[in-house]
Structures are given as C-alpha cells and as structure tokens.
C-alpha cells in the first residue's frame, strides 16, 4: 500500500491504519517498507483480521480486472 504524505516515516515503523470501503472502516497493522520525503510512504501489511480481509477480497472482486492489477 502507498500513502501520499509530505513527512517521512522511518523504515520499519509499525502502524495501525484504517481504510474505508463504502460505509465500512477496516483496520490493518502494517510496517513502513520505504519512505520518500515529499512524496509518500510504502507500507506492507503485517496483520489484517479475517473479516476485514474478506471484505477487501469482496471489494476487489467488484473491480474491473484492469483496475485490480
């Protein structure tokens, strides 16, 4: 996942983030994989609760195949 932000976040920082899909807020634990000052932060997911992961899968299944790549 990529998050556009101006302030760098140190690589390896652990975060809990919220994501909205429609009216549903999902939570995930992640770790900063890289940070580009003035551009953004790349994060890798480390834990997503199974119900939230299933909701993400359902949402992705509704997207056109080209959008999911």
Foldseek 3Di string as FASTA:
>chain_A
DKDFDQDWDDFQDKDWDWDDDDPDIFIFIWTFHDTDHHGTTDIDTDDGPPVRVVVVVVVLVPDDPVVND
